[in-house]
PDB file of N, CA and C in Angstrom:
ATOM      1  N   UNK A   1      12.457 -16.685 -10.514  1.00  0.00           N
ATOM      2  CA  UNK A   1      12.188 -15.431  -9.831  1.00  0.00           C
ATOM      3  C   UNK A   1      10.770 -15.459  -9.254  1.00  0.00           C
ATOM      4  N   UNK A   2      10.603 -14.820  -8.113  1.00  0.00           N
ATOM      5  CA  UNK A   2       9.308 -14.810  -7.432  1.00  0.00           C
ATOM      6  C   UNK A   2       8.291 -13.979  -8.212  1.00  0.00           C
ATOM      7  N   UNK A   3       7.043 -14.382  -8.100  1.00  0.00           N
ATOM      8  CA  UNK A   3       5.951 -13.631  -8.706  1.00  0.00           C
ATOM      9  C   UNK A   3       5.851 -12.277  -8.003  1.00  0.00           C
ATOM     10  N   UNK A   4       5.885 -11.192  -8.764  1.00  0.00           N
ATOM     11  CA  UNK A   4       5.838  -9.850  -8.177  1.00  0.00           C
ATOM     12  C   UNK A   4       4.909  -8.967  -9.004  1.00  0.00           C
ATOM     13  N   UNK A   5       4.138  -8.134  -8.314  1.00  0.00           N
ATOM     14  CA  UNK A   5       3.310  -7.122  -8.959  1.00  0.00           C
ATOM     15  C   UNK A   5       3.894  -5.773  -8.584  1.00  0.00           C
ATOM     16  N   UNK A   6       3.932  -4.861  -9.543  1.00  0.00           N
ATOM     17  CA  UNK A   6       4.495  -3.539  -9.304  1.00  0.00           C
ATOM     18  C   UNK A   6       3.452  -2.480  -9.644  1.00  0.00           C
ATOM     19  N   UNK A   7       3.316  -1.500  -8.767  1.00  0.00           N
ATOM     20  CA  UNK A   7       2.481  -0.323  -9.017  1.00  0.00           C
ATOM     21  C   UNK A   7       3.392   0.890  -8.898  1.00  0.00           C
ATOM     22  N   UNK A   8       3.165   1.863  -9.744  1.00  0.00           N
ATOM     23  CA  UNK A   8       3.928   3.107  -9.664  1.00  0.00           C
ATOM     24  C   UNK A   8       2.986   4.192  -9.170  1.00  0.00           C
ATOM     25  N   UNK A   9       3.410   4.882  -8.138  1.00  0.00           N
ATOM     26  CA  UNK A   9       2.638   5.976  -7.548  1.00  0.00           C
ATOM     27  C   UNK A   9       3.588   7.148  -7.348  1.00  0.00           C
ATOM     28  N   UNK A  10       3.250   8.260  -7.963  1.00  0.00           N
ATOM     29  CA  UNK A  10       4.069   9.473  -7.870  1.00  0.00           C
ATOM     30  C   UNK A  10       5.530   9.197  -8.240  1.00  0.00           C
ATOM     31  N   UNK A  11       5.718   8.370  -9.262  1.00  0.00           N
ATOM     32  CA  UNK A  11       7.056   8.084  -9.766  1.00  0.00           C
ATOM     33  C   UNK A  11       7.844   7.075  -8.961  1.00  0.00           C
ATOM     34  N   UNK A  12       7.223   6.480  -7.945  1.00  0.00           N
ATOM     35  CA  UNK A  12       7.922   5.508  -7.105  1.00  0.00           C
ATOM     36  C   UNK A  12       7.300   4.126  -7.272  1.00  0.00           C
ATOM     37  N   UNK A  13       8.129   3.103  -7.232  1.00  0.00           N
ATOM     38  CA  UNK A  13       7.652   1.730  -7.393  1.00  0.00           C
ATOM     39  C   UNK A  13       7.287   1.116  -6.044  1.00  0.00           C
ATOM     40  N   UNK A  14       6.157   0.436  -6.048  1.00  0.00           N
ATOM     41  CA  UNK A  14       5.683  -0.326  -4.886  1.00  0.00           C
ATOM     42  C   UNK A  14       5.495  -1.761  -5.354  1.00  0.00           C
ATOM     43  N   UNK A  15       5.930  -2.719  -4.547  1.00  0.00           N
ATOM     44  CA  UNK A  15       5.884  -4.121  -4.934  1.00  0.00           C
ATOM     45  C   UNK A  15       4.999  -4.926  -3.993  1.00  0.00           C
ATOM     46  N   UNK A  16       4.405  -5.969  -4.560  1.00  0.00           N
ATOM     47  CA  UNK A  16       3.601  -6.932  -3.805  1.00  0.00           C
ATOM     48  C   UNK A  16       3.964  -8.310  -4.325  1.00  0.00           C
ATOM     49  N   UNK A  17       4.087  -9.281  -3.432  1.00  0.00           N
ATOM     50  CA  UNK A  17       4.472 -10.640  -3.793  1.00  0.00           C
ATOM     51  C   UNK A  17       3.313 -11.587  -3.472  1.00  0.00           C
ATOM     52  N   UNK A  18       2.415 -11.820  -4.442  1.00  0.00           N
ATOM     53  CA  UNK A  18       1.203 -12.605  -4.196  1.00  0.00           C
ATOM     54  C   UNK A  18       1.441 -14.032  -3.696  1.00  0.00           C
ATOM     55  N   UNK A  19       2.606 -14.598  -3.964  1.00  0.00           N
ATOM     56  CA  UNK A  19       2.882 -15.978  -3.553  1.00  0.00           C
ATOM     57  C   UNK A  19       3.691 -16.071  -2.257  1.00  0.00           C
ATOM     58  N   UNK A  20       3.947 -14.946  -1.614  1.00  0.00           N
ATOM     59  CA  UNK A  20       4.765 -14.940  -0.401  1.00  0.00           C
ATOM     60  C   UNK A  20       4.070 -15.672   0.738  1.00  0.00           C
ATOM     61  N   UNK A  21       4.868 -16.255   1.610  1.00  0.00           N
ATOM     62  CA  UNK A  21       4.306 -16.899   2.802  1.00  0.00           C
ATOM     63  C   UNK A  21       3.958 -15.871   3.871  1.00  0.00           C
ATOM     64  N   UNK A  22       4.433 -14.640   3.715  1.00  0.00           N
ATOM     65  CA  UNK A  22       4.163 -13.570   4.678  1.00  0.00           C
ATOM     66  C   UNK A  22       2.964 -12.747   4.208  1.00  0.00           C
ATOM     67  N   UNK A  23       1.953 -12.630   5.050  1.00  0.00           N
ATOM     68  CA  UNK A  23       0.704 -11.959   4.682  1.00  0.00           C
ATOM     69  C   UNK A  23       0.920 -10.517   4.230  1.00  0.00           C
ATOM     70  N   UNK A  24       1.766  -9.767   4.914  1.00  0.00           N
ATOM     71  CA  UNK A  24       1.952  -8.362   4.537  1.00  0.00           C
ATOM     72  C   UNK A  24       2.638  -8.227   3.179  1.00  0.00           C
ATOM     73  N   UNK A  25       3.507  -9.158   2.801  1.00  0.00           N
ATOM     74  CA  UNK A  25       4.119  -9.137   1.461  1.00  0.00           C
ATOM     75  C   UNK A  25       3.120  -9.594   0.405  1.00  0.00           C
ATOM     76  N   UNK A  26       2.236 -10.492   0.772  1.00  0.00           N
ATOM     77  CA  UNK A  26       1.248 -11.059  -0.145  1.00  0.00           C
ATOM     78  C   UNK A  26       0.095 -10.088  -0.411  1.00  0.00           C
ATOM     79  N   UNK A  27      -0.303  -9.318   0.583  1.00  0.00           N
ATOM     80  CA  UNK A  27      -1.517  -8.510   0.494  1.00  0.00           C
ATOM     81  C   UNK A  27      -1.307  -7.034   0.172  1.00  0.00           C
ATOM     82  N   UNK A  28      -0.178  -6.478   0.523  1.00  0.00           N
ATOM     83  CA  UNK A  28      -0.004  -5.022   0.422  1.00  0.00           C
ATOM     84  C   UNK A  28       1.182  -4.649  -0.456  1.00  0.00           C
ATOM     85  N   UNK A  29       1.033  -3.527  -1.182  1.00  0.00           N
ATOM     86  CA  UNK A  29       2.134  -2.983  -1.961  1.00  0.00           C
ATOM     87  C   UNK A  29       3.030  -2.195  -1.013  1.00  0.00           C
ATOM     88  N   UNK A  30       4.352  -2.422  -1.129  1.00  0.00           N
ATOM     89  CA  UNK A  30       5.322  -1.789  -0.241  1.00  0.00           C
ATOM     90  C   UNK A  30       6.400  -1.103  -1.064  1.00  0.00           C
ATOM     91  N   UNK A  31       6.735   0.104  -0.688  1.00  0.00           N
ATOM     92  CA  UNK A  31       7.790   0.846  -1.358  1.00  0.00           C
ATOM     93  C   UNK A  31       9.033   0.905  -0.503  1.00  0.00           C
ATOM     94  N   UNK A  32      10.165   1.061  -1.164  1.00  0.00           N
ATOM     95  CA  UNK A  32      11.423   1.168  -0.418  1.00  0.00           C
ATOM     96  C   UNK A  32      11.970   2.580  -0.588  1.00  0.00           C
ATOM     97  N   UNK A  33      13.049   2.736  -1.254  1.00  0.00           N
ATOM     98  CA  UNK A  33      13.682   4.052  -1.371  1.00  0.00           C
ATOM     99  C   UNK A  33      12.998   4.899  -2.419  1.00  0.00           C
ATOM    100  N   UNK A  34      12.872   6.169  -2.264  1.00  0.00           N
ATOM    101  CA  UNK A  34      13.315   6.946  -1.102  1.00  0.00           C
ATOM    102  C   UNK A  34      12.249   7.058  -0.018  1.00  0.00           C
ATOM    103  N   UNK A  35      11.040   6.553  -0.269  1.00  0.00           N
ATOM    104  CA  UNK A  35       9.952   6.674   0.713  1.00  0.00           C
ATOM    105  C   UNK A  35       9.480   5.279   1.079  1.00  0.00           C
ATOM    106  N   UNK A  36       9.935   4.779   2.208  1.00  0.00           N
ATOM    107  CA  UNK A  36       9.584   3.428   2.645  1.00  0.00           C
ATOM    108  C   UNK A  36       8.167   3.402   3.200  1.00  0.00           C
ATOM    109  N   UNK A  37       7.471   2.291   2.985  1.00  0.00           N
ATOM    110  CA  UNK A  37       6.172   2.124   3.599  1.00  0.00           C
ATOM    111  C   UNK A  37       5.130   1.578   2.649  1.00  0.00           C
ATOM    112  N   UNK A  38       3.936   1.379   3.194  1.00  0.00           N
ATOM    113  CA  UNK A  38       2.838   0.797   2.445  1.00  0.00           C
ATOM    114  C   UNK A  38       2.153   1.830   1.563  1.00  0.00           C
ATOM    115  N   UNK A  39       1.812   1.416   0.351  1.00  0.00           N
ATOM    116  CA  UNK A  39       1.185   2.301  -0.621  1.00  0.00           C
ATOM    117  C   UNK A  39      -0.116   2.891  -0.081  1.00  0.00           C
ATOM    118  N   UNK A  40      -0.975   2.080   0.523  1.00  0.00           N
ATOM    119  CA  UNK A  40      -2.261   2.606   0.982  1.00  0.00           C
ATOM    120  C   UNK A  40      -2.087   3.694   2.037  1.00  0.00           C
ATOM    121  N   UNK A  41      -1.068   3.603   2.857  1.00  0.00           N
ATOM    122  CA  UNK A  41      -0.799   4.642   3.858  1.00  0.00           C
ATOM    123  C   UNK A  41      -0.283   5.915   3.191  1.00  0.00           C
ATOM    124  N   UNK A  42       0.557   5.772   2.169  1.00  0.00           N
ATOM    125  CA  UNK A  42       1.070   6.943   1.458  1.00  0.00           C
ATOM    126  C   UNK A  42      -0.050   7.658   0.706  1.00  0.00           C
ATOM    127  N   UNK A  43      -0.951   6.889   0.089  1.00  0.00           N
ATOM    128  CA  UNK A  43      -2.085   7.500  -0.617  1.00  0.00           C
ATOM    129  C   UNK A  43      -2.948   8.271   0.377  1.00  0.00           C
ATOM    130  N   UNK A  44      -3.237   7.669   1.529  1.00  0.00           N
ATOM    131  CA  UNK A  44      -4.045   8.341   2.554  1.00  0.00           C
ATOM    132  C   UNK A  44      -3.368   9.650   2.988  1.00  0.00           C
ATOM    133  N   UNK A  45      -2.086   9.574   3.327  1.00  0.00           N
ATOM    134  CA  UNK A  45      -1.378  10.753   3.819  1.00  0.00           C
ATOM    135  C   UNK A  45      -1.318  11.853   2.760  1.00  0.00           C
ATOM    136  N   UNK A  46      -1.122  11.482   1.509  1.00  0.00           N
ATOM    137  CA  UNK A  46      -1.058  12.482   0.437  1.00  0.00           C
ATOM    138  C   UNK A  46      -2.425  13.117   0.179  1.00  0.00           C
ATOM    139  N   UNK A  47      -3.488  12.394   0.489  1.00  0.00           N
ATOM    140  CA  UNK A  47      -4.849  12.886   0.258  1.00  0.00           C
ATOM    141  C   UNK A  47      -5.405  13.626   1.469  1.00  0.00           C
ATOM    142  N   UNK A  48      -5.176  13.072   2.682  1.00  0.00           N
ATOM    143  CA  UNK A  48      -5.831  13.582   3.895  1.00  0.00           C
ATOM    144  C   UNK A  48      -4.884  14.141   4.953  1.00  0.00           C
ATOM    145  N   UNK A  49      -3.601  13.942   4.784  1.00  0.00           N
ATOM    146  CA  UNK A  49      -2.644  14.374   5.798  1.00  0.00           C
ATOM    147  C   UNK A  49      -2.214  13.207   6.671  1.00  0.00           C
ATOM    148  N   UNK A  50      -1.463  13.499   7.721  1.00  0.00           N
ATOM    149  CA  UNK A  50      -0.926  12.438   8.583  1.00  0.00           C
ATOM    150  C   UNK A  50      -2.012  11.544   9.182  1.00  0.00           C
ATOM    151  N   UNK A  51      -1.665  10.276   9.345  1.00  0.00           N
ATOM    152  CA  UNK A  51      -2.567   9.315   9.989  1.00  0.00           C
ATOM    153  C   UNK A  51      -2.462   9.554  11.492  1.00  0.00           C
ATOM    154  N   UNK A  52      -3.588   9.808  12.162  1.00  0.00           N
ATOM    155  CA  UNK A  52      -3.538  10.073  13.611  1.00  0.00           C
ATOM    156  C   UNK A  52      -2.961   8.889  14.397  1.00  0.00           C
ATOM    157  N   UNK A  53      -2.282   9.216  15.456  1.00  0.00           N
ATOM    158  CA  UNK A  53      -1.700   8.211  16.347  1.00  0.00           C
ATOM    159  C   UNK A  53      -2.767   7.198  16.764  1.00  0.00           C
ATOM    160  N   UNK A  54      -2.440   5.919  16.679  1.00  0.00           N
ATOM    161  CA  UNK A  54      -3.346   4.850  17.086  1.00  0.00           C
ATOM    162  C   UNK A  54      -4.383   4.461  16.043  1.00  0.00           C
ATOM    163  N   UNK A  55      -4.376   5.109  14.880  1.00  0.00           N
ATOM    164  CA  UNK A  55      -5.348   4.797  13.825  1.00  0.00           C
ATOM    165  C   UNK A  55      -4.708   3.963  12.727  1.00  0.00           C
ATOM    166  N   UNK A  56      -5.542   3.234  12.000  1.00  0.00           N
ATOM    167  CA  UNK A  56      -5.106   2.417  10.877  1.00  0.00           C
ATOM    168  C   UNK A  56      -5.902   2.811   9.644  1.00  0.00           C
ATOM    169  N   UNK A  57      -5.352   2.528   8.483  1.00  0.00           N
ATOM    170  CA  UNK A  57      -6.039   2.775   7.222  1.00  0.00           C
ATOM    171  C   UNK A  57      -6.543   1.439   6.703  1.00  0.00           C
ATOM    172  N   UNK A  58      -7.849   1.374   6.401  1.00  0.00           N
ATOM    173  CA  UNK A  58      -8.457   0.140   5.907  1.00  0.00           C
ATOM    174  C   UNK A  58      -8.994   0.337   4.497  1.00  0.00           C
ATOM    175  N   UNK A  59      -9.064  -0.771   3.770  1.00  0.00           N
ATOM    176  CA  UNK A  59      -9.651  -0.790   2.432  1.00  0.00           C
ATOM    177  C   UNK A  59     -11.143  -1.099   2.582  1.00  0.00           C
ATOM    178  N   UNK A  60     -11.995  -0.145   2.231  1.00  0.00           N
ATOM    179  CA  UNK A  60     -13.443  -0.283   2.427  1.00  0.00           C
ATOM    180  C   UNK A  60     -14.010  -1.513   1.726  1.00  0.00           C
ATOM    181  N   UNK A  61     -13.515  -1.828   0.533  1.00  0.00           N
ATOM    182  CA  UNK A  61     -14.040  -2.981  -0.212  1.00  0.00           C
ATOM    183  C   UNK A  61     -13.268  -4.266   0.084  1.00  0.00           C
ATOM    184  N   UNK A  62     -12.333  -4.218   1.036  1.00  0.00           N
ATOM    185  CA  UNK A  62     -11.514  -5.364   1.456  1.00  0.00           C
ATOM    186  C   UNK A  62     -10.571  -5.861   0.366  1.00  0.00           C
ATOM    187  N   UNK A  63     -10.419  -5.098  -0.710  1.00  0.00           N
ATOM    188  CA  UNK A  63      -9.482  -5.431  -1.783  1.00  0.00           C
ATOM    189  C   UNK A  63      -8.222  -4.613  -1.537  1.00  0.00           C
ATOM    190  N   UNK A  64      -7.180  -5.254  -1.021  1.00  0.00           N
ATOM    191  CA  UNK A  64      -5.962  -4.536  -0.651  1.00  0.00           C
ATOM    192  C   UNK A  64      -5.158  -4.050  -1.844  1.00  0.00           C
ATOM    193  N   UNK A  65      -5.572  -4.410  -3.047  1.00  0.00           N
ATOM    194  CA  UNK A  65      -4.907  -3.876  -4.237  1.00  0.00           C
ATOM    195  C   UNK A  65      -5.598  -2.613  -4.750  1.00  0.00           C
ATOM    196  N   UNK A  66      -6.768  -2.283  -4.196  1.00  0.00           N
ATOM    197  CA  UNK A  66      -7.517  -1.098  -4.597  1.00  0.00           C
ATOM    198  C   UNK A  66      -7.141   0.050  -3.662  1.00  0.00           C
ATOM    199  N   UNK A  67      -6.140   0.820  -4.072  1.00  0.00           N
ATOM    200  CA  UNK A  67      -5.648   1.908  -3.228  1.00  0.00           C
ATOM    201  C   UNK A  67      -6.148   3.270  -3.660  1.00  0.00           C
ATOM    202  N   UNK A  68      -7.295   3.297  -4.317  1.00  0.00           N
ATOM    203  CA  UNK A  68      -7.917   4.561  -4.680  1.00  0.00           C
ATOM    204  C   UNK A  68      -8.299   5.286  -3.379  1.00  0.00           C
ATOM    205  N   UNK A  69      -8.057   6.606  -3.309  1.00  0.00           N
ATOM    206  CA  UNK A  69      -8.385   7.332  -2.066  1.00  0.00           C
ATOM    207  C   UNK A  69      -9.828   7.136  -1.593  1.00  0.00           C
ATOM    208  N   UNK A  70     -10.762   6.986  -2.521  1.00  0.00           N
ATOM    209  CA  UNK A  70     -12.176   6.801  -2.133  1.00  0.00           C
ATOM    210  C   UNK A  70     -12.424   5.443  -1.482  1.00  0.00           C
ATOM    211  N   UNK A  71     -11.481   4.509  -1.601  1.00  0.00           N
ATOM    212  CA  UNK A  71     -11.628   3.180  -1.018  1.00  0.00           C
ATOM    213  C   UNK A  71     -10.936   3.054   0.347  1.00  0.00           C
ATOM    214  N   UNK A  72     -10.261   4.099   0.764  1.00  0.00           N
ATOM    215  CA  UNK A  72      -9.516   4.040   2.026  1.00  0.00           C
ATOM    216  C   UNK A  72     -10.288   4.758   3.119  1.00  0.00           C
ATOM    217  N   UNK A  73     -10.308   4.143   4.293  1.00  0.00           N
ATOM    218  CA  UNK A  73     -11.000   4.735   5.449  1.00  0.00           C
ATOM    219  C   UNK A  73     -10.233   4.489   6.717  1.00  0.00           C
TER     220      UNK A  73
END
């Protein structure tokens, strides 16, 4: 079985595959049902509201596993 890391946020599981050949699977936690998408984007939206059109959410310390709201910009 593939190496997988799981984080639970608001009762939902988000997975990251550190050994994946795909950068987005390797670097970011992703959730599926019932709320699909990247954990860092969900944390931002739950803290600050919708992400404005054309904007991205970045990890201030460049650690993509640190999804604390204070680390997102």
